[in-house]
């Protein structure tokens, strides 16, 4: 006959493993250094300036 299994302990171990897996996914998905965030913002600003400079008309205004 096998030893009895404490289901509460099993459940807690399983939940802890799932939390750790979710944490790893979130670190990969959302984790960026400050320098990387700054670089992304600078690139986005440069792209916005470039596209605004090439605009032929501003359809939002009268004229």
PDB file of N, CA and C in Angstrom:
ATOM      1  N   UNK A   1       0.840  -1.172   0.000  1.00  0.00           N
ATOM      2  CA  UNK A   1       0.000   0.000   0.000  1.00  0.00           C
ATOM      3  C   UNK A   1       0.892   1.244   0.000  1.00  0.00           C
ATOM      4  N   UNK A   2       0.508   2.277  -0.736  1.00  0.00           N
ATOM      5  CA  UNK A   2       1.330   3.483  -0.830  1.00  0.00           C
ATOM      6  C   UNK A   2       1.033   4.423   0.323  1.00  0.00           C
ATOM      7  N   UNK A   3       1.910   5.369   0.476  1.00  0.00           N
ATOM      8  CA  UNK A   3       1.743   6.360   1.548  1.00  0.00           C
ATOM      9  C   UNK A   3       0.631   7.327   1.187  1.00  0.00           C
ATOM     10  N   UNK A   4      -0.090   7.832   2.199  1.00  0.00           N
ATOM     11  CA  UNK A   4      -1.137   8.812   1.923  1.00  0.00           C
ATOM     12  C   UNK A   4      -0.524  10.138   1.454  1.00  0.00           C
ATOM     13  N   UNK A   5      -1.241  10.839   0.604  1.00  0.00           N
ATOM     14  CA  UNK A   5      -0.758  12.099   0.039  1.00  0.00           C
ATOM     15  C   UNK A   5      -1.546  13.235   0.662  1.00  0.00           C
ATOM     16  N   UNK A   6      -0.834  14.235   1.124  1.00  0.00           N
ATOM     17  CA  UNK A   6      -1.485  15.411   1.680  1.00  0.00           C
ATOM     18  C   UNK A   6      -1.889  16.298   0.502  1.00  0.00           C
ATOM     19  N   UNK A   7      -3.186  16.368   0.228  1.00  0.00           N
ATOM     20  CA  UNK A   7      -3.667  17.086  -0.945  1.00  0.00           C
ATOM     21  C   UNK A   7      -3.456  18.592  -0.827  1.00  0.00           C
ATOM     22  N   UNK A   8      -3.531  19.132   0.388  1.00  0.00           N
ATOM     23  CA  UNK A   8      -3.287  20.561   0.565  1.00  0.00           C
ATOM     24  C   UNK A   8      -1.853  20.915   0.185  1.00  0.00           C
ATOM     25  N   UNK A   9      -0.929  20.089   0.604  1.00  0.00           N
ATOM     26  CA  UNK A   9       0.477  20.324   0.281  1.00  0.00           C
ATOM     27  C   UNK A   9       0.696  20.225  -1.230  1.00  0.00           C
ATOM     28  N   UNK A  10       0.100  19.228  -1.842  1.00  0.00           N
ATOM     29  CA  UNK A  10       0.216  19.040  -3.285  1.00  0.00           C
ATOM     30  C   UNK A  10      -0.351  20.251  -4.029  1.00  0.00           C
ATOM     31  N   UNK A  11      -1.519  20.731  -3.583  1.00  0.00           N
ATOM     32  CA  UNK A  11      -2.167  21.882  -4.220  1.00  0.00           C
ATOM     33  C   UNK A  11      -1.292  23.130  -4.101  1.00  0.00           C
ATOM     34  N   UNK A  12      -0.721  23.348  -2.926  1.00  0.00           N
ATOM     35  CA  UNK A  12       0.115  24.530  -2.717  1.00  0.00           C
ATOM     36  C   UNK A  12       1.378  24.488  -3.570  1.00  0.00           C
ATOM     37  N   UNK A  13       1.982  23.330  -3.689  1.00  0.00           N
ATOM     38  CA  UNK A  13       3.186  23.185  -4.522  1.00  0.00           C
ATOM     39  C   UNK A  13       2.842  23.457  -5.978  1.00  0.00           C
ATOM     40  N   UNK A  14       1.699  22.940  -6.413  1.00  0.00           N
ATOM     41  CA  UNK A  14       1.268  23.138  -7.798  1.00  0.00           C
ATOM     42  C   UNK A  14       0.999  24.618  -8.073  1.00  0.00           C
ATOM     43  N   UNK A  15       0.305  25.315  -7.154  1.00  0.00           N
ATOM     44  CA  UNK A  15       0.016  26.734  -7.331  1.00  0.00           C
ATOM     45  C   UNK A  15       1.295  27.558  -7.364  1.00  0.00           C
ATOM     46  N   UNK A  16       2.247  27.201  -6.522  1.00  0.00           N
ATOM     47  CA  UNK A  16       3.516  27.925  -6.483  1.00  0.00           C
ATOM     48  C   UNK A  16       4.266  27.773  -7.813  1.00  0.00           C
ATOM     49  N   UNK A  17       4.243  26.576  -8.377  1.00  0.00           N
ATOM     50  CA  UNK A  17       4.909  26.337  -9.657  1.00  0.00           C
ATOM     51  C   UNK A  17       4.218  27.131 -10.768  1.00  0.00           C
ATOM     52  N   UNK A  18       2.888  27.170 -10.747  1.00  0.00           N
ATOM     53  CA  UNK A  18       2.152  27.938 -11.757  1.00  0.00           C
ATOM     54  C   UNK A  18       2.434  29.428 -11.632  1.00  0.00           C
ATOM     55  N   UNK A  19       2.507  29.938 -10.411  1.00  0.00           N
ATOM     56  CA  UNK A  19       2.823  31.354 -10.190  1.00  0.00           C
ATOM     57  C   UNK A  19       4.197  31.693 -10.730  1.00  0.00           C
ATOM     58  N   UNK A  20       5.146  30.810 -10.480  1.00  0.00           N
ATOM     59  CA  UNK A  20       6.512  31.048 -10.956  1.00  0.00           C
ATOM     60  C   UNK A  20       6.557  31.055 -12.476  1.00  0.00           C
ATOM     61  N   UNK A  21       5.812  30.172 -13.106  1.00  0.00           N
ATOM     62  CA  UNK A  21       5.755  30.134 -14.569  1.00  0.00           C
ATOM     63  C   UNK A  21       5.173  31.434 -15.113  1.00  0.00           C
ATOM     64  N   UNK A  22       4.067  31.893 -14.503  1.00  0.00           N
ATOM     65  CA  UNK A  22       3.455  33.161 -14.933  1.00  0.00           C
ATOM     66  C   UNK A  22       4.415  34.326 -14.716  1.00  0.00           C
ATOM     67  N   UNK A  23       5.145  34.303 -13.608  1.00  0.00           N
ATOM     68  CA  UNK A  23       6.098  35.376 -13.321  1.00  0.00           C
ATOM     69  C   UNK A  23       7.207  35.412 -14.369  1.00  0.00           C
ATOM     70  N   UNK A  24       7.697  34.254 -14.770  1.00  0.00           N
ATOM     71  CA  UNK A  24       8.731  34.203 -15.806  1.00  0.00           C
ATOM     72  C   UNK A  24       8.206  34.754 -17.124  1.00  0.00           C
ATOM     73  N   UNK A  25       6.972  34.404 -17.472  1.00  0.00           N
ATOM     74  CA  UNK A  25       6.382  34.909 -18.712  1.00  0.00           C
ATOM     75  C   UNK A  25       6.240  36.425 -18.658  1.00  0.00           C
ATOM     76  N   UNK A  26       5.791  36.955 -17.531  1.00  0.00           N
ATOM     77  CA  UNK A  26       5.623  38.400 -17.388  1.00  0.00           C
ATOM     78  C   UNK A  26       6.957  39.131 -17.408  1.00  0.00           C
ATOM     79  N   UNK A  27       7.982  38.541 -16.814  1.00  0.00           N
ATOM     80  CA  UNK A  27       9.307  39.173 -16.854  1.00  0.00           C
ATOM     81  C   UNK A  27       9.801  39.262 -18.288  1.00  0.00           C
ATOM     82  N   UNK A  28       9.562  38.229 -19.055  1.00  0.00           N
ATOM     83  CA  UNK A  28       9.985  38.231 -20.456  1.00  0.00           C
ATOM     84  C   UNK A  28       9.146  39.208 -21.274  1.00  0.00           C
ATOM     85  N   UNK A  29       7.883  39.309 -20.950  1.00  0.00           N
ATOM     86  CA  UNK A  29       6.966  40.125 -21.739  1.00  0.00           C
ATOM     87  C   UNK A  29       7.089  41.611 -21.411  1.00  0.00           C
ATOM     88  N   UNK A  30       7.168  41.942 -20.133  1.00  0.00           N
ATOM     89  CA  UNK A  30       7.123  43.341 -19.728  1.00  0.00           C
ATOM     90  C   UNK A  30       8.457  43.888 -19.217  1.00  0.00           C
ATOM     91  N   UNK A  31       9.392  43.043 -18.941  1.00  0.00           N
ATOM     92  CA  UNK A  31      10.639  43.485 -18.330  1.00  0.00           C
ATOM     93  C   UNK A  31      11.575  44.138 -19.331  1.00  0.00           C
ATOM     94  N   UNK A  32      11.784  45.422 -19.173  1.00  0.00           N
ATOM     95  CA  UNK A  32      12.750  46.142 -19.999  1.00  0.00           C
ATOM     96  C   UNK A  32      13.573  47.031 -19.090  1.00  0.00           C
ATOM     97  N   UNK A  33      14.807  47.245 -19.466  1.00  0.00           N
ATOM     98  CA  UNK A  33      15.637  48.151 -18.698  1.00  0.00           C
ATOM     99  C   UNK A  33      15.235  49.587 -19.014  1.00  0.00           C
ATOM    100  N   UNK A  34      15.668  50.490 -18.183  1.00  0.00           N
ATOM    101  CA  UNK A  34      15.356  51.898 -18.380  1.00  0.00           C
ATOM    102  C   UNK A  34      15.960  52.395 -19.693  1.00  0.00           C
ATOM    103  N   UNK A  35      17.158  51.935 -19.997  1.00  0.00           N
ATOM    104  CA  UNK A  35      17.823  52.344 -21.237  1.00  0.00           C
ATOM    105  C   UNK A  35      17.042  51.850 -22.462  1.00  0.00           C
ATOM    106  N   UNK A  36      16.523  50.643 -22.399  1.00  0.00           N
ATOM    107  CA  UNK A  36      15.762  50.105 -23.525  1.00  0.00           C
ATOM    108  C   UNK A  36      14.467  50.889 -23.723  1.00  0.00           C
ATOM    109  N   UNK A  37      13.804  51.240 -22.621  1.00  0.00           N
ATOM    110  CA  UNK A  37      12.578  52.038 -22.712  1.00  0.00           C
ATOM    111  C   UNK A  37      12.875  53.414 -23.319  1.00  0.00           C
ATOM    112  N   UNK A  38      13.986  54.008 -22.885  1.00  0.00           N
ATOM    113  CA  UNK A  38      14.374  55.328 -23.396  1.00  0.00           C
ATOM    114  C   UNK A  38      14.684  55.254 -24.893  1.00  0.00           C
ATOM    115  N   UNK A  39      15.372  54.206 -25.317  1.00  0.00           N
ATOM    116  CA  UNK A  39      15.700  54.017 -26.719  1.00  0.00           C
ATOM    117  C   UNK A  39      14.437  53.829 -27.560  1.00  0.00           C
ATOM    118  N   UNK A  40      13.502  53.036 -27.070  1.00  0.00           N
ATOM    119  CA  UNK A  40      12.242  52.834 -27.788  1.00  0.00           C
ATOM    120  C   UNK A  40      11.480  54.143 -27.925  1.00  0.00           C
ATOM    121  N   UNK A  41      11.451  54.940 -26.874  1.00  0.00           N
ATOM    122  CA  UNK A  41      10.750  56.228 -26.923  1.00  0.00           C
ATOM    123  C   UNK A  41      11.422  57.167 -27.911  1.00  0.00           C
ATOM    124  N   UNK A  42      12.752  57.202 -27.911  1.00  0.00           N
ATOM    125  CA  UNK A  42      13.482  58.063 -28.841  1.00  0.00           C
ATOM    126  C   UNK A  42      13.214  57.647 -30.288  1.00  0.00           C
ATOM    127  N   UNK A  43      13.194  56.358 -30.548  1.00  0.00           N
ATOM    128  CA  UNK A  43      12.914  55.879 -31.902  1.00  0.00           C
ATOM    129  C   UNK A  43      11.496  56.247 -32.334  1.00  0.00           C
ATOM    130  N   UNK A  44      10.537  56.105 -31.421  1.00  0.00           N
ATOM    131  CA  UNK A  44       9.150  56.440 -31.734  1.00  0.00           C
ATOM    132  C   UNK A  44       9.007  57.933 -32.008  1.00  0.00           C
ATOM    133  N   UNK A  45       9.676  58.769 -31.204  1.00  0.00           N
ATOM    134  CA  UNK A  45       9.625  60.219 -31.412  1.00  0.00           C
ATOM    135  C   UNK A  45      10.243  60.605 -32.752  1.00  0.00           C
ATOM    136  N   UNK A  46      11.367  59.974 -33.094  1.00  0.00           N
ATOM    137  CA  UNK A  46      12.028  60.273 -34.363  1.00  0.00           C
ATOM    138  C   UNK A  46      11.134  59.874 -35.539  1.00  0.00           C
ATOM    139  N   UNK A  47      10.503  58.708 -35.442  1.00  0.00           N
ATOM    140  CA  UNK A  47       9.610  58.250 -36.496  1.00  0.00           C
ATOM    141  C   UNK A  47       8.408  59.189 -36.641  1.00  0.00           C
ATOM    142  N   UNK A  48       7.871  59.660 -35.542  1.00  0.00           N
ATOM    143  CA  UNK A  48       6.734  60.587 -35.583  1.00  0.00           C
ATOM    144  C   UNK A  48       7.140  61.900 -36.250  1.00  0.00           C
ATOM    145  N   UNK A  49       8.315  62.417 -35.890  1.00  0.00           N
ATOM    146  CA  UNK A  49       8.796  63.650 -36.522  1.00  0.00           C
ATOM    147  C   UNK A  49       8.973  63.455 -38.030  1.00  0.00           C
ATOM    148  N   UNK A  50       9.554  62.339 -38.406  1.00  0.00           N
ATOM    149  CA  UNK A  50       9.809  62.054 -39.810  1.00  0.00           C
ATOM    150  C   UNK A  50       8.500  61.961 -40.589  1.00  0.00           C
ATOM    151  N   UNK A  51       7.527  61.247 -40.060  1.00  0.00           N
ATOM    152  CA  UNK A  51       6.263  61.095 -40.780  1.00  0.00           C
ATOM    153  C   UNK A  51       5.473  62.392 -40.798  1.00  0.00           C
ATOM    154  N   UNK A  52       5.546  63.182 -39.728  1.00  0.00           N
ATOM    155  CA  UNK A  52       4.857  64.477 -39.718  1.00  0.00           C
ATOM    156  C   UNK A  52       5.489  65.437 -40.722  1.00  0.00           C
ATOM    157  N   UNK A  53       6.787  65.320 -40.926  1.00  0.00           N
ATOM    158  CA  UNK A  53       7.472  66.184 -41.879  1.00  0.00           C
ATOM    159  C   UNK A  53       7.129  65.851 -43.321  1.00  0.00           C
ATOM    160  N   UNK A  54       6.729  64.636 -43.590  1.00  0.00           N
ATOM    161  CA  UNK A  54       6.395  64.219 -44.948  1.00  0.00           C
ATOM    162  C   UNK A  54       4.902  64.294 -45.258  1.00  0.00           C
ATOM    163  N   UNK A  55       4.162  64.804 -44.330  1.00  0.00           N
ATOM    164  CA  UNK A  55       2.711  64.878 -44.516  1.00  0.00           C
ATOM    165  C   UNK A  55       2.375  65.933 -45.570  1.00  0.00           C
ATOM    166  N   UNK A  56       1.490  65.609 -46.487  1.00  0.00           N
ATOM    167  CA  UNK A  56       1.094  66.543 -47.532  1.00  0.00           C
ATOM    168  C   UNK A  56       0.002  67.489 -47.058  1.00  0.00           C
ATOM    169  N   UNK A  57      -0.985  66.946 -46.372  1.00  0.00           N
ATOM    170  CA  UNK A  57      -2.092  67.749 -45.901  1.00  0.00           C
ATOM    171  C   UNK A  57      -2.425  67.337 -44.478  1.00  0.00           C
ATOM    172  N   UNK A  58      -3.021  68.259 -43.758  1.00  0.00           N
ATOM    173  CA  UNK A  58      -3.547  67.933 -42.452  1.00  0.00           C
ATOM    174  C   UNK A  58      -5.054  67.906 -42.584  1.00  0.00           C
ATOM    175  N   UNK A  59      -5.628  66.720 -42.660  1.00  0.00           N
ATOM    176  CA  UNK A  59      -7.050  66.573 -42.895  1.00  0.00           C
ATOM    177  C   UNK A  59      -7.894  66.937 -41.685  1.00  0.00           C
ATOM    178  N   UNK A  60      -7.300  67.128 -40.543  1.00  0.00           N
ATOM    179  CA  UNK A  60      -8.052  67.434 -39.343  1.00  0.00           C
ATOM    180  C   UNK A  60      -8.442  68.901 -39.255  1.00  0.00           C
ATOM    181  N   UNK A  61      -7.796  69.761 -40.020  1.00  0.00           N
ATOM    182  CA  UNK A  61      -8.068  71.201 -39.962  1.00  0.00           C
ATOM    183  C   UNK A  61      -8.803  71.662 -41.222  1.00  0.00           C
ATOM    184  N   UNK A  62      -9.464  72.810 -41.145  1.00  0.00           N
ATOM    185  CA  UNK A  62     -10.113  73.376 -42.319  1.00  0.00           C
ATOM    186  C   UNK A  62      -9.061  73.944 -43.262  1.00  0.00           C
ATOM    187  N   UNK A  63      -9.301  73.761 -44.535  1.00  0.00           N
ATOM    188  CA  UNK A  63      -8.385  74.391 -45.464  1.00  0.00           C
ATOM    189  C   UNK A  63      -7.959  73.560 -46.528  1.00  0.00           C
TER     190      UNK A  63
END
